[in-house]
PDB file of all heavy atoms in Angstrom:
ATOM      1  N   GLN A   1     126.600  90.606 114.859  1.00  0.00           N
ATOM      2  CA  GLN A   1     125.663  91.354 115.678  1.00  0.00           C
ATOM      3  C   GLN A   1     124.310  91.505 114.993  1.00  0.00           C
ATOM      4  O   GLN A   1     123.260  91.454 115.637  1.00  0.00           O
ATOM      5  CB  GLN A   1     126.236  92.731 116.001  1.00  0.00           C
ATOM      6  CG  GLN A   1     125.374  93.546 116.967  1.00  0.00           C
ATOM      7  CD  GLN A   1     125.977  94.914 117.265  1.00  0.00           C
ATOM      8  OE1 GLN A   1     126.854  95.381 116.546  1.00  0.00           O
ATOM      9  NE2 GLN A   1     125.515  95.543 118.317  1.00  0.00           N
ATOM     10  N   SER A   2     124.335  91.682 113.674  1.00  0.00           N
ATOM     11  CA  SER A   2     123.077  91.837 112.941  1.00  0.00           C
ATOM     12  C   SER A   2     122.225  90.576 113.005  1.00  0.00           C
ATOM     13  O   SER A   2     120.993  90.644 112.872  1.00  0.00           O
ATOM     14  CB  SER A   2     123.361  92.222 111.489  1.00  0.00           C
ATOM     15  OG  SER A   2     123.961  91.141 110.775  1.00  0.00           O
ATOM     16  N   LEU A   3     122.862  89.430 113.215  1.00  0.00           N
ATOM     17  CA  LEU A   3     122.118  88.175 113.299  1.00  0.00           C
ATOM     18  C   LEU A   3     121.196  88.121 114.517  1.00  0.00           C
ATOM     19  O   LEU A   3     120.159  87.465 114.493  1.00  0.00           O
ATOM     20  CB  LEU A   3     123.089  86.987 113.353  1.00  0.00           C
ATOM     21  CG  LEU A   3     123.541  86.407 112.023  1.00  0.00           C
ATOM     22  CD1 LEU A   3     124.632  85.371 112.261  1.00  0.00           C
ATOM     23  CD2 LEU A   3     122.377  85.772 111.270  1.00  0.00           C
ATOM     24  N   ILE A   4     121.595  88.796 115.580  1.00  0.00           N
ATOM     25  CA  ILE A   4     120.776  88.776 116.799  1.00  0.00           C
ATOM     26  C   ILE A   4     120.098  90.117 117.040  1.00  0.00           C
ATOM     27  O   ILE A   4     119.544  90.363 118.103  1.00  0.00           O
ATOM     28  CB  ILE A   4     121.620  88.381 118.037  1.00  0.00           C
ATOM     29  CG1 ILE A   4     122.791  89.348 118.216  1.00  0.00           C
ATOM     30  CG2 ILE A   4     122.111  86.958 117.914  1.00  0.00           C
ATOM     31  CD1 ILE A   4     123.575  89.110 119.509  1.00  0.00           C
ATOM     32  N   SER A   5     120.135  90.986 116.045  1.00  0.00           N
ATOM     33  CA  SER A   5     119.533  92.309 116.176  1.00  0.00           C
ATOM     34  C   SER A   5     118.009  92.229 116.178  1.00  0.00           C
ATOM     35  O   SER A   5     117.422  91.488 115.392  1.00  0.00           O
ATOM     36  CB  SER A   5     120.005  93.210 115.027  1.00  0.00           C
ATOM     37  OG  SER A   5     119.216  94.368 114.940  1.00  0.00           O
ATOM     38  N   HIS A   6     117.403  93.009 117.042  1.00  0.00           N
ATOM     39  CA  HIS A   6     115.934  93.031 117.072  1.00  0.00           C
ATOM     40  C   HIS A   6     115.383  93.654 115.784  1.00  0.00           C
ATOM     41  O   HIS A   6     114.266  93.332 115.362  1.00  0.00           O
ATOM     42  CB  HIS A   6     115.433  93.791 118.300  1.00  0.00           C
ATOM     43  CG  HIS A   6     115.655  95.269 118.251  1.00  0.00           C
ATOM     44  ND1 HIS A   6     114.747  96.150 117.718  1.00  0.00           N
ATOM     45  CD2 HIS A   6     116.709  96.033 118.661  1.00  0.00           C
ATOM     46  CE1 HIS A   6     115.215  97.377 117.795  1.00  0.00           C
ATOM     47  NE2 HIS A   6     116.403  97.336 118.368  1.00  0.00           N
ATOM     48  N   ASN A   7     116.170  94.535 115.150  1.00  0.00           N
ATOM     49  CA  ASN A   7     115.726  95.114 113.878  1.00  0.00           C
ATOM     50  C   ASN A   7     115.610  94.047 112.799  1.00  0.00           C
ATOM     51  O   ASN A   7     114.647  94.034 112.016  1.00  0.00           O
ATOM     52  CB  ASN A   7     116.708  96.207 113.430  1.00  0.00           C
ATOM     53  CG  ASN A   7     116.658  97.435 114.316  1.00  0.00           C
ATOM     54  OD1 ASN A   7     115.601  97.798 114.826  1.00  0.00           O
ATOM     55  ND2 ASN A   7     117.797  98.059 114.527  1.00  0.00           N
ATOM     56  N   THR A   8     116.609  93.156 112.748  1.00  0.00           N
ATOM     57  CA  THR A   8     116.562  92.061 111.782  1.00  0.00           C
ATOM     58  C   THR A   8     115.402  91.128 112.093  1.00  0.00           C
ATOM     59  O   THR A   8     114.698  90.661 111.184  1.00  0.00           O
ATOM     60  CB  THR A   8     117.882  91.270 111.790  1.00  0.00           C
ATOM     61  OG1 THR A   8     118.984  92.167 111.666  1.00  0.00           O
ATOM     62  CG2 THR A   8     117.927  90.268 110.647  1.00  0.00           C
ATOM     63  N   LEU A   9     115.193  90.860 113.386  1.00  0.00           N
ATOM     64  CA  LEU A   9     114.096  89.989 113.808  1.00  0.00           C
ATOM     65  C   LEU A   9     112.747  90.583 113.401  1.00  0.00           C
ATOM     66  O   LEU A   9     111.877  89.876 112.861  1.00  0.00           O
ATOM     67  CB  LEU A   9     114.150  89.770 115.322  1.00  0.00           C
ATOM     68  CG  LEU A   9     113.032  88.905 115.934  1.00  0.00           C
ATOM     69  CD1 LEU A   9     113.059  87.499 115.342  1.00  0.00           C
ATOM     70  CD2 LEU A   9     113.167  88.859 117.449  1.00  0.00           C
ATOM     71  N   GLU A  10     112.557  91.873 113.641  1.00  0.00           N
ATOM     72  CA  GLU A  10     111.296  92.522 113.273  1.00  0.00           C
ATOM     73  C   GLU A  10     111.081  92.492 111.759  1.00  0.00           C
ATOM     74  O   GLU A  10     109.969  92.278 111.284  1.00  0.00           O
ATOM     75  CB  GLU A  10     111.305  93.965 113.781  1.00  0.00           C
ATOM     76  CG  GLU A  10     111.205  94.078 115.300  1.00  0.00           C
ATOM     77  CD  GLU A  10     111.393  95.505 115.784  1.00  0.00           C
ATOM     78  OE1 GLU A  10     111.469  96.418 114.932  1.00  0.00           O
ATOM     79  OE2 GLU A  10     111.474  95.703 117.009  1.00  0.00           O
ATOM     80  N   ALA A  11     112.171  92.719 111.006  1.00  0.00           N
ATOM     81  CA  ALA A  11     112.074  92.668 109.546  1.00  0.00           C
ATOM     82  C   ALA A  11     111.719  91.269 109.064  1.00  0.00           C
ATOM     83  O   ALA A  11     110.939  91.089 108.126  1.00  0.00           O
ATOM     84  CB  ALA A  11     113.389  93.121 108.922  1.00  0.00           C
ATOM     85  N   ALA A  12     112.280  90.244 109.720  1.00  0.00           N
ATOM     86  CA  ALA A  12     111.996  88.862 109.353  1.00  0.00           C
ATOM     87  C   ALA A  12     110.527  88.513 109.602  1.00  0.00           C
ATOM     88  O   ALA A  12     109.865  87.898 108.755  1.00  0.00           O
ATOM     89  CB  ALA A  12     112.910  87.916 110.124  1.00  0.00           C
ATOM     90  N   ILE A  13     110.021  88.914 110.763  1.00  0.00           N
ATOM     91  CA  ILE A  13     108.618  88.643 111.102  1.00  0.00           C
ATOM     92  C   ILE A  13     107.701  89.379 110.129  1.00  0.00           C
ATOM     93  O   ILE A  13     106.708  88.828 109.636  1.00  0.00           O
ATOM     94  CB  ILE A  13     108.319  89.060 112.549  1.00  0.00           C
ATOM     95  CG1 ILE A  13     109.107  88.167 113.522  1.00  0.00           C
ATOM     96  CG2 ILE A  13     106.835  88.978 112.847  1.00  0.00           C
ATOM     97  CD1 ILE A  13     109.033  88.609 114.972  1.00  0.00           C
ATOM     98  N   HIS A  14     108.062  90.623 109.832  1.00  0.00           N
ATOM     99  CA  HIS A  14     107.260  91.416 108.883  1.00  0.00           C
ATOM    100  C   HIS A  14     107.235  90.755 107.510  1.00  0.00           C
ATOM    101  O   HIS A  14     106.180  90.678 106.872  1.00  0.00           O
ATOM    102  CB  HIS A  14     107.837  92.826 108.779  1.00  0.00           C
ATOM    103  CG  HIS A  14     107.129  93.692 107.772  1.00  0.00           C
ATOM    104  ND1 HIS A  14     105.881  94.228 107.998  1.00  0.00           N
ATOM    105  CD2 HIS A  14     107.502  94.108 106.528  1.00  0.00           C
ATOM    106  CE1 HIS A  14     105.500  94.929 106.936  1.00  0.00           C
ATOM    107  NE2 HIS A  14     106.463  94.874 106.033  1.00  0.00           N
ATOM    108  N   GLN A  15     108.374  90.253 107.075  1.00  0.00           N
ATOM    109  CA  GLN A  15     108.448  89.633 105.758  1.00  0.00           C
ATOM    110  C   GLN A  15     107.589  88.378 105.677  1.00  0.00           C
ATOM    111  O   GLN A  15     106.931  88.130 104.669  1.00  0.00           O
ATOM    112  CB  GLN A  15     109.906  89.294 105.413  1.00  0.00           C
ATOM    113  CG  GLN A  15     110.072  88.650 104.041  1.00  0.00           C
ATOM    114  CD  GLN A  15     111.477  88.774 103.518  1.00  0.00           C
ATOM    115  OE1 GLN A  15     111.972  89.868 103.291  1.00  0.00           O
ATOM    116  NE2 GLN A  15     112.138  87.642 103.313  1.00  0.00           N
ATOM    117  N   LEU A  16     107.594  87.603 106.742  1.00  0.00           N
ATOM    118  CA  LEU A  16     106.798  86.378 106.740  1.00  0.00           C
ATOM    119  C   LEU A  16     105.298  86.671 106.741  1.00  0.00           C
ATOM    120  O   LEU A  16     104.497  85.842 106.283  1.00  0.00           O
ATOM    121  CB  LEU A  16     107.159  85.527 107.960  1.00  0.00           C
ATOM    122  CG  LEU A  16     108.563  84.895 107.955  1.00  0.00           C
ATOM    123  CD1 LEU A  16     108.795  84.125 109.247  1.00  0.00           C
ATOM    124  CD2 LEU A  16     108.743  83.977 106.752  1.00  0.00           C
ATOM    125  N   ASN A  17     104.931  87.840 107.251  1.00  0.00           N
ATOM    126  CA  ASN A  17     103.509  88.178 107.355  1.00  0.00           C
ATOM    127  C   ASN A  17     102.978  88.974 106.176  1.00  0.00           C
ATOM    128  O   ASN A  17     101.781  89.225 106.090  1.00  0.00           O
ATOM    129  CB  ASN A  17     103.260  88.988 108.649  1.00  0.00           C
ATOM    130  CG  ASN A  17     103.365  88.128 109.895  1.00  0.00           C
ATOM    131  OD1 ASN A  17     103.029  86.947 109.855  1.00  0.00           O
ATOM    132  ND2 ASN A  17     103.814  88.708 110.985  1.00  0.00           N
ATOM    133  N   GLN A  18     103.840  89.383 105.252  1.00  0.00           N
ATOM    134  CA  GLN A  18     103.380  90.192 104.137  1.00  0.00           C
ATOM    135  C   GLN A  18     103.276  89.355 102.868  1.00  0.00           C
ATOM    136  O   GLN A  18     103.897  88.298 102.742  1.00  0.00           O
ATOM    137  CB  GLN A  18     104.306  91.395 103.899  1.00  0.00           C
ATOM    138  CG  GLN A  18     105.626  91.042 103.277  1.00  0.00           C
ATOM    139  CD  GLN A  18     106.484  92.263 102.961  1.00  0.00           C
ATOM    140  OE1 GLN A  18     107.648  92.113 102.642  1.00  0.00           O
ATOM    141  NE2 GLN A  18     105.941  93.452 103.027  1.00  0.00           N
ATOM    142  N   LYS A  19     102.492  89.840 101.941  1.00  0.00           N
ATOM    143  CA  LYS A  19     102.414  89.202 100.637  1.00  0.00           C
ATOM    144  C   LYS A  19     103.743  89.394  99.921  1.00  0.00           C
ATOM    145  O   LYS A  19     104.401  90.415 100.060  1.00  0.00           O
ATOM    146  CB  LYS A  19     101.284  89.823  99.814  1.00  0.00           C
ATOM    147  CG  LYS A  19      99.897  89.633 100.405  1.00  0.00           C
ATOM    148  CD  LYS A  19      98.850  90.329  99.550  1.00  0.00           C
ATOM    149  CE  LYS A  19      97.458  90.153 100.151  1.00  0.00           C
ATOM    150  NZ  LYS A  19      96.419  90.872  99.354  1.00  0.00           N
ATOM    151  N   LYS A  20     104.126  88.416  99.133  1.00  0.00           N
ATOM    152  CA  LYS A  20     105.424  88.498  98.459  1.00  0.00           C
ATOM    153  C   LYS A  20     105.541  89.739  97.595  1.00  0.00           C
ATOM    154  O   LYS A  20     106.593  90.392  97.557  1.00  0.00           O
ATOM    155  CB  LYS A  20     105.664  87.256  97.596  1.00  0.00           C
ATOM    156  CG  LYS A  20     107.048  87.257  96.962  1.00  0.00           C
ATOM    157  CD  LYS A  20     107.352  85.966  96.223  1.00  0.00           C
ATOM    158  CE  LYS A  20     108.761  86.016  95.635  1.00  0.00           C
ATOM    159  NZ  LYS A  20     109.125  84.769  94.926  1.00  0.00           N
ATOM    160  N   ALA A  21     104.457  90.115  96.927  1.00  0.00           N
ATOM    161  CA  ALA A  21     104.510  91.274  96.032  1.00  0.00           C
ATOM    162  C   ALA A  21     104.852  92.557  96.785  1.00  0.00           C
ATOM    163  O   ALA A  21     105.439  93.490  96.225  1.00  0.00           O
ATOM    164  CB  ALA A  21     103.182  91.434  95.311  1.00  0.00           C
ATOM    165  N   ASP A  22     104.490  92.624  98.085  1.00  0.00           N
ATOM    166  CA  ASP A  22     104.750  93.831  98.867  1.00  0.00           C
ATOM    167  C   ASP A  22     106.221  93.986  99.221  1.00  0.00           C
ATOM    168  O   ASP A  22     106.650  95.063  99.619  1.00  0.00           O
ATOM    169  CB  ASP A  22     103.917  93.817 100.160  1.00  0.00           C
ATOM    170  CG  ASP A  22     102.422  93.907  99.869  1.00  0.00           C
ATOM    171  OD1 ASP A  22     102.071  94.458  98.807  1.00  0.00           O
ATOM    172  OD2 ASP A  22     101.631  93.425 100.683  1.00  0.00           O
ATOM    173  N   GLY A  23     106.984  92.910  99.120  1.00  0.00           N
ATOM    174  CA  GLY A  23     108.398  92.983  99.423  1.00  0.00           C
ATOM    175  C   GLY A  23     109.256  92.952  98.187  1.00  0.00           C
ATOM    176  O   GLY A  23     110.448  92.637  98.242  1.00  0.00           O
ATOM    177  N   MET A  24     108.661  93.278  97.033  1.00  0.00           N
ATOM    178  CA  MET A  24     109.381  93.238  95.777  1.00  0.00           C
ATOM    179  C   MET A  24     109.615  94.659  95.259  1.00  0.00           C
ATOM    180  O   MET A  24     109.029  95.626  95.735  1.00  0.00           O
ATOM    181  CB  MET A  24     108.614  92.413  94.746  1.00  0.00           C
ATOM    182  CG  MET A  24     108.419  90.950  95.161  1.00  0.00           C
ATOM    183  SD  MET A  24     109.976  90.051  95.384  1.00  0.00           S
ATOM    184  CE  MET A  24     110.500  89.869  93.682  1.00  0.00           C
ATOM    185  N   PHE A  25     110.451  94.769  94.267  1.00  0.00           N
ATOM    186  CA  PHE A  25     110.846  96.057  93.722  1.00  0.00           C
ATOM    187  C   PHE A  25     109.894  96.515  92.625  1.00  0.00           C
ATOM    188  O   PHE A  25     109.214  95.696  91.993  1.00  0.00           O
ATOM    189  CB  PHE A  25     112.258  95.956  93.140  1.00  0.00           C
ATOM    190  CG  PHE A  25     112.410  94.847  92.130  1.00  0.00           C
ATOM    191  CD1 PHE A  25     112.207  95.091  90.779  1.00  0.00           C
ATOM    192  CD2 PHE A  25     112.740  93.554  92.523  1.00  0.00           C
ATOM    193  CE1 PHE A  25     112.329  94.071  89.844  1.00  0.00           C
ATOM    194  CE2 PHE A  25     112.871  92.528  91.595  1.00  0.00           C
ATOM    195  CZ  PHE A  25     112.655  92.789  90.252  1.00  0.00           C
ATOM    196  N   ALA A  26     109.841  97.824  92.403  1.00  0.00           N
ATOM    197  CA  ALA A  26     109.091  98.364  91.269  1.00  0.00           C
ATOM    198  C   ALA A  26     109.913  98.115  90.018  1.00  0.00           C
ATOM    199  O   ALA A  26     111.106  98.434  89.987  1.00  0.00           O
ATOM    200  CB  ALA A  26     108.853  99.861  91.458  1.00  0.00           C
ATOM    201  N   PRO A  27     109.336  97.537  88.976  1.00  0.00           N
ATOM    202  CA  PRO A  27     110.112  97.114  87.793  1.00  0.00           C
ATOM    203  C   PRO A  27     110.993  98.196  87.179  1.00  0.00           C
ATOM    204  O   PRO A  27     112.115  97.932  86.764  1.00  0.00           O
ATOM    205  CB  PRO A  27     109.021  96.663  86.812  1.00  0.00           C
ATOM    206  CG  PRO A  27     107.900  96.227  87.688  1.00  0.00           C
ATOM    207  CD  PRO A  27     107.921  97.158  88.851  1.00  0.00           C
ATOM    208  N   LYS A  28     110.499  99.448  87.150  1.00  0.00           N
ATOM    209  CA  LYS A  28     111.278 100.550  86.572  1.00  0.00           C
ATOM    210  C   LYS A  28     111.982 101.374  87.627  1.00  0.00           C
ATOM    211  O   LYS A  28     112.663 102.352  87.317  1.00  0.00           O
ATOM    212  CB  LYS A  28     110.357 101.456  85.745  1.00  0.00           C
ATOM    213  CG  LYS A  28     109.933 100.871  84.410  1.00  0.00           C
ATOM    214  CD  LYS A  28     111.085 100.946  83.424  1.00  0.00           C
ATOM    215  CE  LYS A  28     110.650 100.518  82.038  1.00  0.00           C
ATOM    216  NZ  LYS A  28     111.775 100.588  81.082  1.00  0.00           N
ATOM    217  N   GLY A  29     111.785 101.001  88.890  1.00  0.00           N
ATOM    218  CA  GLY A  29     112.439 101.716  89.964  1.00  0.00           C
ATOM    219  C   GLY A  29     111.618 102.859  90.516  1.00  0.00           C
ATOM    220  O   GLY A  29     110.395 102.930  90.330  1.00  0.00           O
ATOM    221  N   SER A  30     112.286 103.774  91.194  1.00  0.00           N
ATOM    222  CA  SER A  30     111.609 104.911  91.829  1.00  0.00           C
ATOM    223  C   SER A  30     110.905 105.767  90.790  1.00  0.00           C
ATOM    224  O   SER A  30     111.341 105.887  89.646  1.00  0.00           O
ATOM    225  CB  SER A  30     112.628 105.758  92.591  1.00  0.00           C
ATOM    226  OG  SER A  30     113.201 105.024  93.652  1.00  0.00           O
ATOM    227  N   GLY A  31     109.798 106.380  91.222  1.00  0.00           N
ATOM    228  CA  GLY A  31     109.051 107.255  90.324  1.00  0.00           C
ATOM    229  C   GLY A  31     108.150 106.522  89.351  1.00  0.00           C
ATOM    230  O   GLY A  31     107.568 107.157  88.456  1.00  0.00           O
ATOM    231  N   SER A  32     108.025 105.203  89.517  1.00  0.00           N
ATOM    232  CA  SER A  32     107.249 104.420  88.556  1.00  0.00           C
ATOM    233  C   SER A  32     105.776 104.815  88.532  1.00  0.00           C
ATOM    234  O   SER A  32     105.092 104.674  87.515  1.00  0.00           O
ATOM    235  CB  SER A  32     107.367 102.925  88.880  1.00  0.00           C
ATOM    236  OG  SER A  32     108.687 102.470  88.692  1.00  0.00           O
ATOM    237  N   ALA A  33     105.278 105.306  89.677  1.00  0.00           N
ATOM    238  CA  ALA A  33     103.857 105.636  89.764  1.00  0.00           C
ATOM    239  C   ALA A  33     103.561 107.088  89.397  1.00  0.00           C
ATOM    240  O   ALA A  33     102.402 107.521  89.442  1.00  0.00           O
ATOM    241  CB  ALA A  33     103.341 105.354  91.173  1.00  0.00           C
ATOM    242  N   ILE A  34     104.583 107.844  89.031  1.00  0.00           N
ATOM    243  CA  ILE A  34     104.384 109.258  88.718  1.00  0.00           C
ATOM    244  C   ILE A  34     103.613 109.432  87.408  1.00  0.00           C
ATOM    245  O   ILE A  34     103.945 108.806  86.402  1.00  0.00           O
ATOM    246  CB  ILE A  34     105.734 109.988  88.619  1.00  0.00           C
ATOM    247  CG1 ILE A  34     106.399 110.067  89.997  1.00  0.00           C
ATOM    248  CG2 ILE A  34     105.572 111.391  88.037  1.00  0.00           C
ATOM    249  CD1 ILE A  34     107.791 110.665  89.970  1.00  0.00           C
ATOM    250  N   ASP A  35     102.592 110.257  87.433  1.00  0.00           N
ATOM    251  CA  ASP A  35     101.861 110.620  86.217  1.00  0.00           C
ATOM    252  C   ASP A  35     102.584 111.821  85.607  1.00  0.00           C
ATOM    253  O   ASP A  35     102.280 112.974  85.912  1.00  0.00           O
ATOM    254  CB  ASP A  35     100.416 110.973  86.562  1.00  0.00           C
ATOM    255  CG  ASP A  35      99.563 111.289  85.332  1.00  0.00           C
ATOM    256  OD1 ASP A  35     100.147 111.460  84.235  1.00  0.00           O
ATOM    257  OD2 ASP A  35      98.333 111.392  85.467  1.00  0.00           O
ATOM    258  N   TYR A  36     103.559 111.546  84.765  1.00  0.00           N
ATOM    259  CA  TYR A  36     104.417 112.624  84.285  1.00  0.00           C
ATOM    260  C   TYR A  36     103.692 113.585  83.345  1.00  0.00           C
ATOM    261  O   TYR A  36     104.070 114.741  83.203  1.00  0.00           O
ATOM    262  CB  TYR A  36     105.677 112.069  83.623  1.00  0.00           C
ATOM    263  CG  TYR A  36     105.478 111.232  82.394  1.00  0.00           C
ATOM    264  CD1 TYR A  36     105.420 111.815  81.129  1.00  0.00           C
ATOM    265  CD2 TYR A  36     105.357 109.847  82.483  1.00  0.00           C
ATOM    266  CE1 TYR A  36     105.250 111.045  79.994  1.00  0.00           C
ATOM    267  CE2 TYR A  36     105.178 109.070  81.356  1.00  0.00           C
ATOM    268  CZ  TYR A  36     105.130 109.668  80.105  1.00  0.00           C
ATOM    269  OH  TYR A  36     104.941 108.911  78.979  1.00  0.00           O
ATOM    270  N   LYS A  37     102.617 113.119  82.727  1.00  0.00           N
ATOM    271  CA  LYS A  37     101.837 114.030  81.874  1.00  0.00           C
ATOM    272  C   LYS A  37     101.125 115.076  82.736  1.00  0.00           C
ATOM    273  O   LYS A  37     101.005 116.255  82.344  1.00  0.00           O
ATOM    274  CB  LYS A  37     100.834 113.244  81.030  1.00  0.00           C
ATOM    275  CG  LYS A  37     101.490 112.323  80.012  1.00  0.00           C
ATOM    276  CD  LYS A  37     100.478 111.691  79.099  1.00  0.00           C
ATOM    277  CE  LYS A  37     101.130 110.727  78.112  1.00  0.00           C
ATOM    278  NZ  LYS A  37     102.089 111.406  77.210  1.00  0.00           N
ATOM    279  N   LYS A  38     100.675 114.655  83.900  1.00  0.00           N
ATOM    280  CA  LYS A  38     100.057 115.590  84.840  1.00  0.00           C
ATOM    281  C   LYS A  38     101.098 116.584  85.345  1.00  0.00           C
ATOM    282  O   LYS A  38     100.821 117.780  85.478  1.00  0.00           O
ATOM    283  CB  LYS A  38      99.433 114.818  86.007  1.00  0.00           C
ATOM    284  CG  LYS A  38      98.778 115.690  87.051  1.00  0.00           C
ATOM    285  CD  LYS A  38      98.175 114.841  88.168  1.00  0.00           C
ATOM    286  CE  LYS A  38      97.533 115.722  89.241  1.00  0.00           C
ATOM    287  NZ  LYS A  38      96.955 114.901  90.352  1.00  0.00           N
ATOM    288  N   CYS A  39     102.324 116.094  85.612  1.00  0.00           N
ATOM    289  CA  CYS A  39     103.396 116.959  86.094  1.00  0.00           C
ATOM    290  C   CYS A  39     103.752 118.025  85.059  1.00  0.00           C
ATOM    291  O   CYS A  39     104.154 119.145  85.403  1.00  0.00           O
ATOM    292  CB  CYS A  39     104.650 116.143  86.408  1.00  0.00           C
ATOM    293  SG  CYS A  39     104.434 114.908  87.697  1.00  0.00           S
ATOM    294  N   ALA A  40     103.641 117.670  83.782  1.00  0.00           N
ATOM    295  CA  ALA A  40     104.021 118.587  82.700  1.00  0.00           C
ATOM    296  C   ALA A  40     102.945 119.617  82.380  1.00  0.00           C
ATOM    297  O   ALA A  40     103.207 120.569  81.645  1.00  0.00           O
ATOM    298  CB  ALA A  40     104.352 117.786  81.443  1.00  0.00           C
ATOM    299  N   ALA A  41     101.749 119.445  82.944  1.00  0.00           N
ATOM    300  CA  ALA A  41     100.640 120.351  82.629  1.00  0.00           C
ATOM    301  C   ALA A  41     100.917 121.756  83.156  1.00  0.00           C
ATOM    302  O   ALA A  41     101.521 121.939  84.215  1.00  0.00           O
ATOM    303  CB  ALA A  41      99.346 119.803  83.220  1.00  0.00           C
ATOM    304  N   ALA A  42     100.454 122.748  82.419  1.00  0.00           N
ATOM    305  CA  ALA A  42     100.684 124.138  82.815  1.00  0.00           C
ATOM    306  C   ALA A  42     100.042 124.470  84.157  1.00  0.00           C
ATOM    307  O   ALA A  42     100.531 125.345  84.889  1.00  0.00           O
ATOM    308  CB  ALA A  42     100.141 125.075  81.736  1.00  0.00           C
ATOM    309  N   ASP A  43      98.956 123.766  84.500  1.00  0.00           N
ATOM    310  CA  ASP A  43      98.258 124.056  85.754  1.00  0.00           C
ATOM    311  C   ASP A  43      98.655 123.109  86.886  1.00  0.00           C
ATOM    312  O   ASP A  43      97.935 123.008  87.889  1.00  0.00           O
ATOM    313  CB  ASP A  43      96.744 123.987  85.534  1.00  0.00           C
ATOM    314  CG  ASP A  43      96.275 122.603  85.060  1.00  0.00           C
ATOM    315  OD1 ASP A  43      97.140 121.756  84.733  1.00  0.00           O
ATOM    316  OD2 ASP A  43      95.046 122.376  85.021  1.00  0.00           O
ATOM    317  N   TYR A  44      99.787 122.417  86.725  1.00  0.00           N
ATOM    318  CA  TYR A  44     100.228 121.497  87.793  1.00  0.00           C
ATOM    319  C   TYR A  44     100.431 122.283  89.088  1.00  0.00           C
ATOM    320  O   TYR A  44     101.189 123.263  89.126  1.00  0.00           O
ATOM    321  CB  TYR A  44     101.518 120.786  87.394  1.00  0.00           C
ATOM    322  CG  TYR A  44     102.035 119.847  88.470  1.00  0.00           C
ATOM    323  CD1 TYR A  44     101.360 118.676  88.764  1.00  0.00           C
ATOM    324  CD2 TYR A  44     103.181 120.151  89.183  1.00  0.00           C
ATOM    325  CE1 TYR A  44     101.816 117.807  89.752  1.00  0.00           C
ATOM    326  CE2 TYR A  44     103.650 119.297  90.177  1.00  0.00           C
ATOM    327  CZ  TYR A  44     102.966 118.129  90.450  1.00  0.00           C
ATOM    328  OH  TYR A  44     103.427 117.278  91.442  1.00  0.00           O
TER     329      TYR A  44
END
């Protein structure tokens, strides 16, 4: 059923239209963009 799903079709079209880097993972995973020094500041 997933082979003929419109959700899969939309995802396929989206993938073909995006840059490869946009469909890739963050090297360290979730939270990679967090500025943890800012989070640790007393005035956060």
